[in-house]
Amino acid sequence: MSWYAQAADGSLILTLHIQPGARKTEIAGLHGGALKIRLAAPPVDGKANAALLGFLAKTCGVSKSAVELISGDSSRAKRVRLRGADLDRVAGLAGD
């Protein structure tokens, strides 16, 4: 199973494993079928989720409004929808 999939509407659905409270925000490869992202933001009051959405927007070259948290609001396992992102650019995030 891949950590990303293209939805019927053309958007991309990403399966992520988040590690909040890290030293720096970065992509850390794959973790059990999900893209692992370390976030410097703490998991308090939605700060980690906001940091994640901003990081993905910047990394994938889309606006913040094009990134939507679908599931995992209070979990390390999250699903995110990206609208208007380039499939090849997103697929290359894991470095494979």
PDB file of N, CA and C in Angstrom:
ATOM      1  N   MET A   1       0.835  -1.182   0.000  1.00  0.00           N
ATOM      2  CA  MET A   1       0.000   0.000   0.000  1.00  0.00           C
ATOM      3  C   MET A   1       0.881   1.247   0.000  1.00  0.00           C
ATOM      4  N   SER A   2       0.558   2.180  -0.846  1.00  0.00           N
ATOM      5  CA  SER A   2       1.313   3.420  -0.937  1.00  0.00           C
ATOM      6  C   SER A   2       0.817   4.424   0.102  1.00  0.00           C
ATOM      7  N   TRP A   3       1.665   5.347   0.465  1.00  0.00           N
ATOM      8  CA  TRP A   3       1.308   6.369   1.454  1.00  0.00           C
ATOM      9  C   TRP A   3       0.538   7.524   0.823  1.00  0.00           C
ATOM     10  N   TYR A   4       0.367   7.497  -0.491  1.00  0.00           N
ATOM     11  CA  TYR A   4      -0.435   8.522  -1.162  1.00  0.00           C
ATOM     12  C   TYR A   4      -1.324   7.865  -2.215  1.00  0.00           C
ATOM     13  N   ALA A   5      -2.430   8.516  -2.509  1.00  0.00           N
ATOM     14  CA  ALA A   5      -3.364   8.012  -3.523  1.00  0.00           C
ATOM     15  C   ALA A   5      -4.044   9.209  -4.170  1.00  0.00           C
ATOM     16  N   GLN A   6      -4.445   9.019  -5.413  1.00  0.00           N
ATOM     17  CA  GLN A   6      -5.167  10.075  -6.113  1.00  0.00           C
ATOM     18  C   GLN A   6      -6.659   9.797  -6.002  1.00  0.00           C
ATOM     19  N   ALA A   7      -7.402  10.783  -5.511  1.00  0.00           N
ATOM     20  CA  ALA A   7      -8.857  10.659  -5.360  1.00  0.00           C
ATOM     21  C   ALA A   7      -9.526  10.900  -6.708  1.00  0.00           C
ATOM     22  N   ALA A   8     -10.796  10.566  -6.790  1.00  0.00           N
ATOM     23  CA  ALA A   8     -11.564  10.713  -8.028  1.00  0.00           C
ATOM     24  C   ALA A   8     -11.621  12.166  -8.497  1.00  0.00           C
ATOM     25  N   ASP A   9     -11.559  13.111  -7.571  1.00  0.00           N
ATOM     26  CA  ASP A   9     -11.623  14.526  -7.945  1.00  0.00           C
ATOM     27  C   ASP A   9     -10.262  15.100  -8.340  1.00  0.00           C
ATOM     28  N   GLY A  10      -9.231  14.250  -8.367  1.00  0.00           N
ATOM     29  CA  GLY A  10      -7.894  14.684  -8.761  1.00  0.00           C
ATOM     30  C   GLY A  10      -7.013  15.117  -7.608  1.00  0.00           C
ATOM     31  N   SER A  11      -7.586  15.268  -6.420  1.00  0.00           N
ATOM     32  CA  SER A  11      -6.771  15.639  -5.263  1.00  0.00           C
ATOM     33  C   SER A  11      -5.953  14.427  -4.811  1.00  0.00           C
ATOM     34  N   LEU A  12      -4.952  14.683  -3.991  1.00  0.00           N
ATOM     35  CA  LEU A  12      -4.114  13.609  -3.465  1.00  0.00           C
ATOM     36  C   LEU A  12      -4.414  13.417  -1.981  1.00  0.00           C
ATOM     37  N   ILE A  13      -4.501  12.170  -1.570  1.00  0.00           N
ATOM     38  CA  ILE A  13      -4.720  11.822  -0.168  1.00  0.00           C
ATOM     39  C   ILE A  13      -3.414  11.236   0.359  1.00  0.00           C
ATOM     40  N   LEU A  14      -2.873  11.849   1.411  1.00  0.00           N
ATOM     41  CA  LEU A  14      -1.618  11.403   1.998  1.00  0.00           C
ATOM     42  C   LEU A  14      -1.887  10.729   3.343  1.00  0.00           C
ATOM     43  N   THR A  15      -1.216   9.620   3.580  1.00  0.00           N
ATOM     44  CA  THR A  15      -1.252   8.941   4.870  1.00  0.00           C
ATOM     45  C   THR A  15       0.058   9.281   5.570  1.00  0.00           C
ATOM     46  N   LEU A  16      -0.056   9.885   6.753  1.00  0.00           N
ATOM     47  CA  LEU A  16       1.111  10.421   7.436  1.00  0.00           C
ATOM     48  C   LEU A  16       1.249   9.880   8.850  1.00  0.00           C
ATOM     49  N   HIS A  17       2.490   9.797   9.304  1.00  0.00           N
ATOM     50  CA  HIS A  17       2.789   9.498  10.709  1.00  0.00           C
ATOM     51  C   HIS A  17       3.563  10.713  11.224  1.00  0.00           C
ATOM     52  N   ILE A  18       3.032  11.368  12.243  1.00  0.00           N
ATOM     53  CA  ILE A  18       3.578  12.624  12.724  1.00  0.00           C
ATOM     54  C   ILE A  18       4.290  12.439  14.055  1.00  0.00           C
ATOM     55  N   GLN A  19       5.460  13.069  14.168  1.00  0.00           N
ATOM     56  CA  GLN A  19       6.206  13.088  15.423  1.00  0.00           C
ATOM     57  C   GLN A  19       6.340  14.540  15.868  1.00  0.00           C
ATOM     58  N   PRO A  20       5.419  15.021  16.714  1.00  0.00           N
ATOM     59  CA  PRO A  20       5.497  16.412  17.172  1.00  0.00           C
ATOM     60  C   PRO A  20       6.594  16.594  18.213  1.00  0.00           C
ATOM     61  N   GLY A  21       6.992  17.842  18.405  1.00  0.00           N
ATOM     62  CA  GLY A  21       7.988  18.154  19.423  1.00  0.00           C
ATOM     63  C   GLY A  21       9.404  17.767  19.040  1.00  0.00           C
ATOM     64  N   ALA A  22       9.683  17.611  17.746  1.00  0.00           N
ATOM     65  CA  ALA A  22      11.026  17.254  17.284  1.00  0.00           C
ATOM     66  C   ALA A  22      11.931  18.489  17.286  1.00  0.00           C
ATOM     67  N   ARG A  23      13.211  18.280  17.066  1.00  0.00           N
ATOM     68  CA  ARG A  23      14.145  19.410  17.016  1.00  0.00           C
ATOM     69  C   ARG A  23      13.858  20.333  15.848  1.00  0.00           C
ATOM     70  N   LYS A  24      13.539  19.733  14.687  1.00  0.00           N
ATOM     71  CA  LYS A  24      13.220  20.550  13.517  1.00  0.00           C
ATOM     72  C   LYS A  24      12.151  19.859  12.689  1.00  0.00           C
ATOM     73  N   THR A  25      11.484  20.637  11.856  1.00  0.00           N
ATOM     74  CA  THR A  25      10.438  20.106  10.996  1.00  0.00           C
ATOM     75  C   THR A  25      11.083  19.557   9.738  1.00  0.00           C
ATOM     76  N   GLU A  26      10.822  18.261   9.474  1.00  0.00           N
ATOM     77  CA  GLU A  26      11.428  17.616   8.316  1.00  0.00           C
ATOM     78  C   GLU A  26      10.705  16.317   7.982  1.00  0.00           C
ATOM     79  N   ILE A  27      10.900  15.868   6.756  1.00  0.00           N
ATOM     80  CA  ILE A  27      10.390  14.566   6.337  1.00  0.00           C
ATOM     81  C   ILE A  27      11.426  13.528   6.741  1.00  0.00           C
ATOM     82  N   ALA A  28      10.961  12.445   7.338  1.00  0.00           N
ATOM     83  CA  ALA A  28      11.874  11.445   7.885  1.00  0.00           C
ATOM     84  C   ALA A  28      11.679  10.071   7.249  1.00  0.00           C
ATOM     85  N   GLY A  29      11.274  10.025   5.984  1.00  0.00           N
ATOM     86  CA  GLY A  29      11.132   8.749   5.288  1.00  0.00           C
ATOM     87  C   GLY A  29       9.782   8.112   5.528  1.00  0.00           C
ATOM     88  N   LEU A  30       9.761   6.793   5.437  1.00  0.00           N
ATOM     89  CA  LEU A  30       8.511   6.054   5.598  1.00  0.00           C
ATOM     90  C   LEU A  30       8.459   5.352   6.939  1.00  0.00           C
ATOM     91  N   HIS A  31       7.246   5.201   7.440  1.00  0.00           N
ATOM     92  CA  HIS A  31       7.026   4.529   8.728  1.00  0.00           C
ATOM     93  C   HIS A  31       5.745   3.699   8.608  1.00  0.00           C
ATOM     94  N   GLY A  32       5.884   2.409   8.431  1.00  0.00           N
ATOM     95  CA  GLY A  32       4.722   1.517   8.383  1.00  0.00           C
ATOM     96  C   GLY A  32       3.689   1.883   7.331  1.00  0.00           C
ATOM     97  N   GLY A  33       4.106   2.203   6.132  1.00  0.00           N
ATOM     98  CA  GLY A  33       3.158   2.532   5.074  1.00  0.00           C
ATOM     99  C   GLY A  33       2.679   3.972   5.069  1.00  0.00           C
ATOM    100  N   ALA A  34       3.294   4.807   5.899  1.00  0.00           N
ATOM    101  CA  ALA A  34       2.932   6.225   5.968  1.00  0.00           C
ATOM    102  C   ALA A  34       4.202   7.061   5.819  1.00  0.00           C
ATOM    103  N   LEU A  35       4.050   8.282   5.323  1.00  0.00           N
ATOM    104  CA  LEU A  35       5.168   9.216   5.263  1.00  0.00           C
ATOM    105  C   LEU A  35       5.357   9.788   6.662  1.00  0.00           C
ATOM    106  N   LYS A  36       6.578   9.663   7.202  1.00  0.00           N
ATOM    107  CA  LYS A  36       6.839  10.170   8.548  1.00  0.00           C
ATOM    108  C   LYS A  36       7.334  11.600   8.460  1.00  0.00           C
ATOM    109  N   ILE A  37       6.703  12.474   9.236  1.00  0.00           N
ATOM    110  CA  ILE A  37       7.101  13.877   9.296  1.00  0.00           C
ATOM    111  C   ILE A  37       7.355  14.245  10.748  1.00  0.00           C
ATOM    112  N   ARG A  38       8.541  14.771  10.993  1.00  0.00           N
ATOM    113  CA  ARG A  38       8.869  15.297  12.322  1.00  0.00           C
ATOM    114  C   ARG A  38       8.504  16.772  12.340  1.00  0.00           C
ATOM    115  N   LEU A  39       7.806  17.185  13.389  1.00  0.00           N
ATOM    116  CA  LEU A  39       7.389  18.590  13.527  1.00  0.00           C
ATOM    117  C   LEU A  39       8.005  19.207  14.774  1.00  0.00           C
ATOM    118  N   ALA A  40       8.546  20.409  14.616  1.00  0.00           N
ATOM    119  CA  ALA A  40       9.104  21.116  15.767  1.00  0.00           C
ATOM    120  C   ALA A  40       8.004  21.628  16.696  1.00  0.00           C
ATOM    121  N   ALA A  41       6.812  21.832  16.158  1.00  0.00           N
ATOM    122  CA  ALA A  41       5.701  22.355  16.962  1.00  0.00           C
ATOM    123  C   ALA A  41       5.230  21.323  17.986  1.00  0.00           C
ATOM    124  N   PRO A  42       4.823  21.795  19.166  1.00  0.00           N
ATOM    125  CA  PRO A  42       4.316  20.878  20.192  1.00  0.00           C
ATOM    126  C   PRO A  42       2.865  20.472  19.887  1.00  0.00           C
ATOM    127  N   PRO A  43       2.464  19.309  20.392  1.00  0.00           N
ATOM    128  CA  PRO A  43       1.087  18.841  20.165  1.00  0.00           C
ATOM    129  C   PRO A  43       0.100  19.481  21.143  1.00  0.00           C
ATOM    130  N   VAL A  44       0.034  20.795  21.143  1.00  0.00           N
ATOM    131  CA  VAL A  44      -0.798  21.538  22.082  1.00  0.00           C
ATOM    132  C   VAL A  44      -1.676  22.525  21.319  1.00  0.00           C
ATOM    133  N   ASP A  45      -2.959  22.529  21.623  1.00  0.00           N
ATOM    134  CA  ASP A  45      -3.904  23.497  21.054  1.00  0.00           C
ATOM    135  C   ASP A  45      -3.869  23.564  19.528  1.00  0.00           C
ATOM    136  N   GLY A  46      -3.649  22.427  18.875  1.00  0.00           N
ATOM    137  CA  GLY A  46      -3.673  22.391  17.412  1.00  0.00           C
ATOM    138  C   GLY A  46      -2.444  22.967  16.738  1.00  0.00           C
ATOM    139  N   LYS A  47      -1.408  23.317  17.512  1.00  0.00           N
ATOM    140  CA  LYS A  47      -0.204  23.918  16.932  1.00  0.00           C
ATOM    141  C   LYS A  47       0.507  22.954  15.979  1.00  0.00           C
ATOM    142  N   ALA A  48       0.584  21.682  16.337  1.00  0.00           N
ATOM    143  CA  ALA A  48       1.249  20.715  15.471  1.00  0.00           C
ATOM    144  C   ALA A  48       0.468  20.533  14.173  1.00  0.00           C
ATOM    145  N   ASN A  49      -0.848  20.488  14.239  1.00  0.00           N
ATOM    146  CA  ASN A  49      -1.658  20.348  13.025  1.00  0.00           C
ATOM    147  C   ASN A  49      -1.482  21.556  12.107  1.00  0.00           C
ATOM    148  N   ALA A  50      -1.498  22.749  12.676  1.00  0.00           N
ATOM    149  CA  ALA A  50      -1.317  23.963  11.880  1.00  0.00           C
ATOM    150  C   ALA A  50       0.067  23.976  11.237  1.00  0.00           C
ATOM    151  N   ALA A  51       1.084  23.577  11.994  1.00  0.00           N
ATOM    152  CA  ALA A  51       2.445  23.520  11.458  1.00  0.00           C
ATOM    153  C   ALA A  51       2.550  22.486  10.341  1.00  0.00           C
ATOM    154  N   LEU A  52       1.877  21.354  10.523  1.00  0.00           N
ATOM    155  CA  LEU A  52       1.884  20.311   9.504  1.00  0.00           C
ATOM    156  C   LEU A  52       1.279  20.812   8.200  1.00  0.00           C
ATOM    157  N   LEU A  53       0.121  21.436   8.265  1.00  0.00           N
ATOM    158  CA  LEU A  53      -0.552  21.908   7.060  1.00  0.00           C
ATOM    159  C   LEU A  53       0.279  22.976   6.352  1.00  0.00           C
ATOM    160  N   GLY A  54       0.890  23.860   7.112  1.00  0.00           N
ATOM    161  CA  GLY A  54       1.757  24.873   6.523  1.00  0.00           C
ATOM    162  C   GLY A  54       2.994  24.270   5.879  1.00  0.00           C
ATOM    163  N   PHE A  55       3.597  23.302   6.544  1.00  0.00           N
ATOM    164  CA  PHE A  55       4.783  22.625   6.017  1.00  0.00           C
ATOM    165  C   PHE A  55       4.452  21.890   4.725  1.00  0.00           C
ATOM    166  N   LEU A  56       3.332  21.178   4.705  1.00  0.00           N
ATOM    167  CA  LEU A  56       2.943  20.453   3.491  1.00  0.00           C
ATOM    168  C   LEU A  56       2.650  21.404   2.338  1.00  0.00           C
ATOM    169  N   ALA A  57       1.986  22.522   2.624  1.00  0.00           N
ATOM    170  CA  ALA A  57       1.690  23.506   1.579  1.00  0.00           C
ATOM    171  C   ALA A  57       2.986  24.014   0.957  1.00  0.00           C
ATOM    172  N   LYS A  58       3.926  24.379   1.791  1.00  0.00           N
ATOM    173  CA  LYS A  58       5.209  24.907   1.303  1.00  0.00           C
ATOM    174  C   LYS A  58       5.991  23.830   0.551  1.00  0.00           C
ATOM    175  N   THR A  59       6.065  22.641   1.106  1.00  0.00           N
ATOM    176  CA  THR A  59       6.842  21.554   0.514  1.00  0.00           C
ATOM    177  C   THR A  59       6.256  21.084  -0.815  1.00  0.00           C
ATOM    178  N   CYS A  60       4.931  21.090  -0.911  1.00  0.00           N
ATOM    179  CA  CYS A  60       4.259  20.596  -2.119  1.00  0.00           C
ATOM    180  C   CYS A  60       3.932  21.699  -3.121  1.00  0.00           C
ATOM    181  N   GLY A  61       4.227  22.941  -2.781  1.00  0.00           N
ATOM    182  CA  GLY A  61       4.018  24.045  -3.702  1.00  0.00           C
ATOM    183  C   GLY A  61       2.566  24.408  -3.942  1.00  0.00           C
ATOM    184  N   VAL A  62       1.755  24.311  -2.886  1.00  0.00           N
ATOM    185  CA  VAL A  62       0.343  24.699  -2.989  1.00  0.00           C
ATOM    186  C   VAL A  62       0.035  25.706  -1.887  1.00  0.00           C
ATOM    187  N   SER A  63      -1.123  26.348  -1.983  1.00  0.00           N
ATOM    188  CA  SER A  63      -1.518  27.300  -0.945  1.00  0.00           C
ATOM    189  C   SER A  63      -1.989  26.547   0.302  1.00  0.00           C
ATOM    190  N   LYS A  64      -1.976  27.232   1.429  1.00  0.00           N
ATOM    191  CA  LYS A  64      -2.442  26.615   2.674  1.00  0.00           C
ATOM    192  C   LYS A  64      -3.901  26.191   2.581  1.00  0.00           C
ATOM    193  N   SER A  65      -4.686  26.937   1.818  1.00  0.00           N
ATOM    194  CA  SER A  65      -6.101  26.597   1.675  1.00  0.00           C
ATOM    195  C   SER A  65      -6.311  25.326   0.847  1.00  0.00           C
ATOM    196  N   ALA A  66      -5.276  24.859   0.162  1.00  0.00           N
ATOM    197  CA  ALA A  66      -5.375  23.645  -0.648  1.00  0.00           C
ATOM    198  C   ALA A  66      -5.019  22.390   0.150  1.00  0.00           C
ATOM    199  N   VAL A  67      -4.687  22.567   1.430  1.00  0.00           N
ATOM    200  CA  VAL A  67      -4.299  21.449   2.289  1.00  0.00           C
ATOM    201  C   VAL A  67      -5.365  21.292   3.372  1.00  0.00           C
ATOM    202  N   GLU A  68      -5.920  20.079   3.485  1.00  0.00           N
ATOM    203  CA  GLU A  68      -7.021  19.832   4.434  1.00  0.00           C
ATOM    204  C   GLU A  68      -6.746  18.575   5.253  1.00  0.00           C
ATOM    205  N   LEU A  69      -6.858  18.699   6.560  1.00  0.00           N
ATOM    206  CA  LEU A  69      -6.734  17.539   7.440  1.00  0.00           C
ATOM    207  C   LEU A  69      -8.047  16.763   7.392  1.00  0.00           C
ATOM    208  N   ILE A  70      -7.990  15.528   6.915  1.00  0.00           N
ATOM    209  CA  ILE A  70      -9.199  14.705   6.775  1.00  0.00           C
ATOM    210  C   ILE A  70      -9.477  13.921   8.055  1.00  0.00           C
ATOM    211  N   SER A  71      -8.425  13.336   8.622  1.00  0.00           N
ATOM    212  CA  SER A  71      -8.606  12.547   9.842  1.00  0.00           C
ATOM    213  C   SER A  71      -7.324  12.578  10.667  1.00  0.00           C
ATOM    214  N   GLY A  72      -7.469  12.277  11.963  1.00  0.00           N
ATOM    215  CA  GLY A  72      -6.338  12.207  12.859  1.00  0.00           C
ATOM    216  C   GLY A  72      -6.053  13.497  13.597  1.00  0.00           C
ATOM    217  N   ASP A  73      -7.079  14.277  13.856  1.00  0.00           N
ATOM    218  CA  ASP A  73      -6.906  15.577  14.508  1.00  0.00           C
ATOM    219  C   ASP A  73      -6.067  15.488  15.780  1.00  0.00           C
ATOM    220  N   SER A  74      -6.283  14.465  16.587  1.00  0.00           N
ATOM    221  CA  SER A  74      -5.535  14.337  17.841  1.00  0.00           C
ATOM    222  C   SER A  74      -4.712  13.049  17.872  1.00  0.00           C
ATOM    223  N   SER A  75      -4.313  12.583  16.705  1.00  0.00           N
ATOM    224  CA  SER A  75      -3.560  11.341  16.594  1.00  0.00           C
ATOM    225  C   SER A  75      -2.269  11.575  15.819  1.00  0.00           C
ATOM    226  N   ARG A  76      -1.298  10.719  16.006  1.00  0.00           N
ATOM    227  CA  ARG A  76      -0.075  10.786  15.199  1.00  0.00           C
ATOM    228  C   ARG A  76      -0.334  10.298  13.779  1.00  0.00           C
ATOM    229  N   ALA A  77      -1.311   9.418  13.621  1.00  0.00           N
ATOM    230  CA  ALA A  77      -1.688   8.908  12.296  1.00  0.00           C
ATOM    231  C   ALA A  77      -2.706   9.871  11.693  1.00  0.00           C
ATOM    232  N   LYS A  78      -2.347  10.461  10.558  1.00  0.00           N
ATOM    233  CA  LYS A  78      -3.216  11.475   9.949  1.00  0.00           C
ATOM    234  C   LYS A  78      -3.401  11.200   8.467  1.00  0.00           C
ATOM    235  N   ARG A  79      -4.518  11.676   7.944  1.00  0.00           N
ATOM    236  CA  ARG A  79      -4.776  11.671   6.508  1.00  0.00           C
ATOM    237  C   ARG A  79      -5.038  13.101   6.096  1.00  0.00           C
ATOM    238  N   VAL A  80      -4.376  13.511   5.006  1.00  0.00           N
ATOM    239  CA  VAL A  80      -4.452  14.888   4.533  1.00  0.00           C
ATOM    240  C   VAL A  80      -4.800  14.887   3.052  1.00  0.00           C
ATOM    241  N   ARG A  81      -5.646  15.822   2.639  1.00  0.00           N
ATOM    242  CA  ARG A  81      -5.994  15.998   1.224  1.00  0.00           C
ATOM    243  C   ARG A  81      -5.235  17.206   0.687  1.00  0.00           C
ATOM    244  N   LEU A  82      -4.598  17.032  -0.481  1.00  0.00           N
ATOM    245  CA  LEU A  82      -3.918  18.125  -1.175  1.00  0.00           C
ATOM    246  C   LEU A  82      -4.638  18.377  -2.486  1.00  0.00           C
ATOM    247  N   ARG A  83      -5.013  19.604  -2.725  1.00  0.00           N
ATOM    248  CA  ARG A  83      -5.649  19.969  -3.998  1.00  0.00           C
ATOM    249  C   ARG A  83      -4.642  20.745  -4.844  1.00  0.00           C
ATOM    250  N   GLY A  84      -4.541  20.376  -6.112  1.00  0.00           N
ATOM    251  CA  GLY A  84      -3.674  21.099  -7.039  1.00  0.00           C
ATOM    252  C   GLY A  84      -2.205  20.778  -6.927  1.00  0.00           C
ATOM    253  N   ALA A  85      -1.841  19.726  -6.206  1.00  0.00           N
ATOM    254  CA  ALA A  85      -0.433  19.356  -6.051  1.00  0.00           C
ATOM    255  C   ALA A  85       0.014  18.470  -7.209  1.00  0.00           C
ATOM    256  N   ASP A  86       1.275  18.576  -7.567  1.00  0.00           N
ATOM    257  CA  ASP A  86       1.862  17.759  -8.624  1.00  0.00           C
ATOM    258  C   ASP A  86       2.160  16.362  -8.077  1.00  0.00           C
ATOM    259  N   LEU A  87       1.618  15.343  -8.720  1.00  0.00           N
ATOM    260  CA  LEU A  87       1.770  13.962  -8.253  1.00  0.00           C
ATOM    261  C   LEU A  87       3.236  13.555  -8.163  1.00  0.00           C
ATOM    262  N   ASP A  88       4.035  13.881  -9.170  1.00  0.00           N
ATOM    263  CA  ASP A  88       5.446  13.499  -9.155  1.00  0.00           C
ATOM    264  C   ASP A  88       6.205  14.172  -8.019  1.00  0.00           C
ATOM    265  N   ARG A  89       5.889  15.432  -7.762  1.00  0.00           N
ATOM    266  CA  ARG A  89       6.545  16.152  -6.664  1.00  0.00           C
ATOM    267  C   ARG A  89       6.212  15.511  -5.325  1.00  0.00           C
ATOM    268  N   VAL A  90       4.949  15.185  -5.131  1.00  0.00           N
ATOM    269  CA  VAL A  90       4.519  14.559  -3.878  1.00  0.00           C
ATOM    270  C   VAL A  90       5.125  13.158  -3.745  1.00  0.00           C
ATOM    271  N   ALA A  91       5.112  12.388  -4.828  1.00  0.00           N
ATOM    272  CA  ALA A  91       5.656  11.026  -4.782  1.00  0.00           C
ATOM    273  C   ALA A  91       7.133  11.026  -4.407  1.00  0.00           C
ATOM    274  N   GLY A  92       7.856  12.080  -4.768  1.00  0.00           N
ATOM    275  CA  GLY A  92       9.280  12.163  -4.466  1.00  0.00           C
ATOM    276  C   GLY A  92       9.608  12.582  -3.045  1.00  0.00           C
ATOM    277  N   LEU A  93       8.618  12.931  -2.259  1.00  0.00           N
ATOM    278  CA  LEU A  93       8.871  13.397  -0.897  1.00  0.00           C
ATOM    279  C   LEU A  93       9.537  12.345  -0.020  1.00  0.00           C
ATOM    280  N   ALA A  94       9.216  11.091  -0.245  1.00  0.00           N
ATOM    281  CA  ALA A  94       9.767  10.030   0.592  1.00  0.00           C
ATOM    282  C   ALA A  94      11.199   9.677   0.189  1.00  0.00           C
ATOM    283  N   GLY A  95      11.651  10.245  -0.914  1.00  0.00           N
ATOM    284  CA  GLY A  95      13.016   9.981  -1.354  1.00  0.00           C
ATOM    285  C   GLY A  95      13.196   8.645  -2.028  1.00  0.00           C
ATOM    286  N   ASP A  96      12.082   8.045  -2.474  1.00  0.00           N
ATOM    287  CA  ASP A  96      12.209   6.744  -3.145  1.00  0.00           C
ATOM    288  C   ASP A  96      11.961   6.863  -4.625  1.00  0.00           C
TER     289      ASP A  96
END
